[in-house]
Amino acid sequence: MWLDDLKIAVTANDITKIEHLCDKIPNDLSINDAICAQNLLSQAKLYCSQQMDDISAELEKLRKIRKFNEN
């Protein structure tokens, strides 16, 4: 159940749900399930990193526009 919820959250890019699931990782995961969870969390980390890069680029654009408008 937990792993299925994680799969759904990662597929939907639902960061809030992923964070919630990370706080409740079960202790009784099999090795295969743990490896699968690790891969899913790596995908989620990559998505978050890409989102942060996109947001940083947008903020930089806004800073340039603001600076241009001040002149």
N, C-alpha and C. Protein backbone atom coordinates (compact mmCIF):
# COMPACT_ATOMS: atom_id res chain seq x y z
N MET A 1 0.83 -1.19 0.00
CA MET A 1 0.00 0.00 0.00
C MET A 1 0.88 1.26 0.00
N TRP A 2 1.87 1.33 0.92
CA TRP A 2 2.72 2.52 0.99
C TRP A 2 3.46 2.72 -0.32
N LEU A 3 4.02 1.65 -0.87
CA LEU A 3 4.77 1.76 -2.12
C LEU A 3 3.85 2.17 -3.27
N ASP A 4 2.64 1.64 -3.30
CA ASP A 4 1.68 2.04 -4.34
C ASP A 4 1.35 3.53 -4.22
N ASP A 5 1.17 3.99 -3.00
CA ASP A 5 0.90 5.42 -2.78
C ASP A 5 2.08 6.27 -3.25
N LEU A 6 3.29 5.79 -2.99
CA LEU A 6 4.49 6.51 -3.43
C LEU A 6 4.56 6.55 -4.95
N LYS A 7 4.26 5.43 -5.60
CA LYS A 7 4.27 5.38 -7.06
C LYS A 7 3.29 6.40 -7.63
N ILE A 8 2.11 6.47 -7.06
CA ILE A 8 1.09 7.41 -7.53
C ILE A 8 1.55 8.84 -7.31
N ALA A 9 2.09 9.12 -6.14
CA ALA A 9 2.54 10.49 -5.82
C ALA A 9 3.67 10.93 -6.74
N VAL A 10 4.61 10.05 -7.01
CA VAL A 10 5.73 10.40 -7.89
C VAL A 10 5.22 10.59 -9.32
N THR A 11 4.35 9.72 -9.77
CA THR A 11 3.79 9.85 -11.12
C THR A 11 3.04 11.17 -11.27
N ALA A 12 2.34 11.58 -10.22
CA ALA A 12 1.57 12.83 -10.25
C ALA A 12 2.42 14.05 -9.88
N ASN A 13 3.68 13.83 -9.55
CA ASN A 13 4.56 14.92 -9.09
C ASN A 13 3.95 15.66 -7.90
N ASP A 14 3.35 14.91 -7.00
CA ASP A 14 2.70 15.47 -5.81
C ASP A 14 3.72 15.53 -4.67
N ILE A 15 4.45 16.63 -4.62
CA ILE A 15 5.55 16.77 -3.66
C ILE A 15 5.05 16.71 -2.22
N THR A 16 3.90 17.30 -1.95
CA THR A 16 3.35 17.28 -0.60
C THR A 16 3.08 15.84 -0.15
N LYS A 17 2.49 15.05 -1.02
CA LYS A 17 2.19 13.66 -0.70
C LYS A 17 3.49 12.85 -0.54
N ILE A 18 4.47 13.11 -1.41
CA ILE A 18 5.76 12.41 -1.30
C ILE A 18 6.41 12.72 0.04
N GLU A 19 6.39 13.99 0.42
CA GLU A 19 6.98 14.38 1.70
C GLU A 19 6.27 13.67 2.85
N HIS A 20 4.95 13.62 2.78
CA HIS A 20 4.17 12.94 3.82
C HIS A 20 4.54 11.46 3.89
N LEU A 21 4.67 10.82 2.73
CA LEU A 21 5.02 9.40 2.69
C LEU A 21 6.44 9.16 3.21
N CYS A 22 7.34 10.08 2.95
CA CYS A 22 8.72 9.94 3.45
C CYS A 22 8.77 9.97 4.97
N ASP A 23 7.82 10.66 5.57
CA ASP A 23 7.76 10.71 7.03
C ASP A 23 7.21 9.41 7.62
N LYS A 24 6.63 8.58 6.77
CA LYS A 24 5.96 7.37 7.25
C LYS A 24 6.47 6.10 6.54
N ILE A 25 7.76 6.04 6.27
CA ILE A 25 8.32 4.87 5.59
C ILE A 25 8.19 3.66 6.51
N PRO A 26 7.57 2.59 6.02
CA PRO A 26 7.41 1.41 6.87
C PRO A 26 8.74 0.69 7.10
N ASN A 27 8.86 0.07 8.25
CA ASN A 27 10.09 -0.65 8.60
C ASN A 27 10.16 -2.03 7.98
N ASP A 28 9.05 -2.53 7.48
CA ASP A 28 9.01 -3.91 7.01
C ASP A 28 9.03 -4.03 5.48
N LEU A 29 9.68 -3.08 4.80
CA LEU A 29 9.79 -3.17 3.34
C LEU A 29 10.74 -4.30 2.95
N SER A 30 10.37 -5.02 1.92
CA SER A 30 11.29 -6.03 1.39
C SER A 30 12.44 -5.32 0.67
N ILE A 31 13.48 -6.05 0.38
CA ILE A 31 14.62 -5.47 -0.34
C ILE A 31 14.17 -4.91 -1.68
N ASN A 32 13.36 -5.68 -2.41
CA ASN A 32 12.88 -5.22 -3.72
C ASN A 32 12.04 -3.95 -3.60
N ASP A 33 11.17 -3.90 -2.59
CA ASP A 33 10.34 -2.71 -2.39
C ASP A 33 11.20 -1.51 -1.99
N ALA A 34 12.22 -1.76 -1.18
CA ALA A 34 13.12 -0.67 -0.76
C ALA A 34 13.89 -0.12 -1.96
N ILE A 35 14.32 -1.00 -2.84
CA ILE A 35 15.03 -0.56 -4.05
C ILE A 35 14.09 0.23 -4.95
N CYS A 36 12.87 -0.25 -5.08
CA CYS A 36 11.87 0.46 -5.89
C CYS A 36 11.60 1.84 -5.29
N ALA A 37 11.45 1.91 -3.97
CA ALA A 37 11.22 3.19 -3.30
C ALA A 37 12.40 4.13 -3.51
N GLN A 38 13.60 3.59 -3.44
CA GLN A 38 14.80 4.41 -3.67
C GLN A 38 14.78 5.00 -5.08
N ASN A 39 14.42 4.20 -6.06
CA ASN A 39 14.35 4.68 -7.44
C ASN A 39 13.27 5.74 -7.60
N LEU A 40 12.13 5.52 -6.99
CA LEU A 40 11.05 6.50 -7.06
C LEU A 40 11.45 7.82 -6.41
N LEU A 41 12.11 7.73 -5.27
CA LEU A 41 12.54 8.95 -4.58
C LEU A 41 13.63 9.67 -5.36
N SER A 42 14.44 8.93 -6.08
CA SER A 42 15.44 9.56 -6.95
C SER A 42 14.75 10.33 -8.07
N GLN A 43 13.68 9.77 -8.61
CA GLN A 43 12.90 10.47 -9.63
C GLN A 43 12.28 11.73 -9.06
N ALA A 44 11.75 11.63 -7.85
CA ALA A 44 11.14 12.79 -7.20
C ALA A 44 12.18 13.87 -6.94
N LYS A 45 13.36 13.47 -6.54
CA LYS A 45 14.45 14.43 -6.30
C LYS A 45 14.82 15.14 -7.59
N LEU A 46 14.91 14.40 -8.67
CA LEU A 46 15.22 15.00 -9.98
C LEU A 46 14.14 16.00 -10.38
N TYR A 47 12.89 15.64 -10.19
CA TYR A 47 11.78 16.54 -10.51
C TYR A 47 11.88 17.83 -9.69
N CYS A 48 12.14 17.69 -8.40
CA CYS A 48 12.26 18.87 -7.53
C CYS A 48 13.43 19.75 -7.97
N SER A 49 14.52 19.13 -8.32
CA SER A 49 15.68 19.88 -8.78
C SER A 49 15.36 20.65 -10.06
N GLN A 50 14.66 20.01 -10.98
CA GLN A 50 14.27 20.68 -12.22
C GLN A 50 13.32 21.84 -11.93
N GLN A 51 12.40 21.64 -11.01
CA GLN A 51 11.47 22.71 -10.64
C GLN A 51 12.21 23.89 -10.02
N MET A 52 13.18 23.59 -9.17
CA MET A 52 13.96 24.67 -8.55
C MET A 52 14.74 25.44 -9.61
N ASP A 53 15.30 24.74 -10.59
CA ASP A 53 16.02 25.41 -11.67
C ASP A 53 15.09 26.30 -12.47
N ASP A 54 13.89 25.80 -12.77
CA ASP A 54 12.90 26.59 -13.51
C ASP A 54 12.49 27.84 -12.73
N ILE A 55 12.27 27.68 -11.45
CA ILE A 55 11.87 28.81 -10.61
C ILE A 55 13.00 29.82 -10.53
N SER A 56 14.22 29.35 -10.39
CA SER A 56 15.38 30.26 -10.34
C SER A 56 15.50 31.05 -11.63
N ALA A 57 15.28 30.40 -12.76
CA ALA A 57 15.35 31.09 -14.05
C ALA A 57 14.25 32.14 -14.16
N GLU A 58 13.06 31.81 -13.71
CA GLU A 58 11.95 32.78 -13.75
C GLU A 58 12.23 33.96 -12.83
N LEU A 59 12.77 33.69 -11.65
CA LEU A 59 13.11 34.78 -10.73
C LEU A 59 14.17 35.69 -11.33
N GLU A 60 15.14 35.11 -12.01
CA GLU A 60 16.18 35.92 -12.65
C GLU A 60 15.58 36.80 -13.74
N LYS A 61 14.65 36.26 -14.50
CA LYS A 61 13.96 37.06 -15.52
C LYS A 61 13.22 38.23 -14.87
N LEU A 62 12.53 37.95 -13.77
CA LEU A 62 11.79 39.01 -13.08
C LEU A 62 12.73 40.08 -12.53
N ARG A 63 13.88 39.66 -12.02
CA ARG A 63 14.86 40.63 -11.52
C ARG A 63 15.35 41.54 -12.64
N LYS A 64 15.61 40.94 -13.81
CA LYS A 64 16.08 41.73 -14.95
C LYS A 64 15.00 42.71 -15.41
N ILE A 65 13.76 42.26 -15.45
CA ILE A 65 12.66 43.16 -15.84
C ILE A 65 12.52 44.29 -14.83
N ARG A 66 12.60 43.95 -13.57
CA ARG A 66 12.48 44.96 -12.52
C ARG A 66 13.61 45.98 -12.64
N LYS A 67 14.83 45.50 -12.84
CA LYS A 67 15.97 46.40 -12.98
C LYS A 67 15.81 47.27 -14.21
N PHE A 68 15.34 46.71 -15.31
CA PHE A 68 15.12 47.47 -16.54
C PHE A 68 14.07 48.56 -16.32
N ASN A 69 13.00 48.22 -15.62
CA ASN A 69 11.92 49.19 -15.37
C ASN A 69 12.34 50.30 -14.41
N GLU A 70 13.31 50.03 -13.56
CA GLU A 70 13.79 51.05 -12.63
C GLU A 70 14.64 52.09 -13.35
N ASN A 71 15.21 51.74 -14.46
CA ASN A 71 16.08 52.66 -15.21
C ASN A 71 15.31 53.53 -16.15
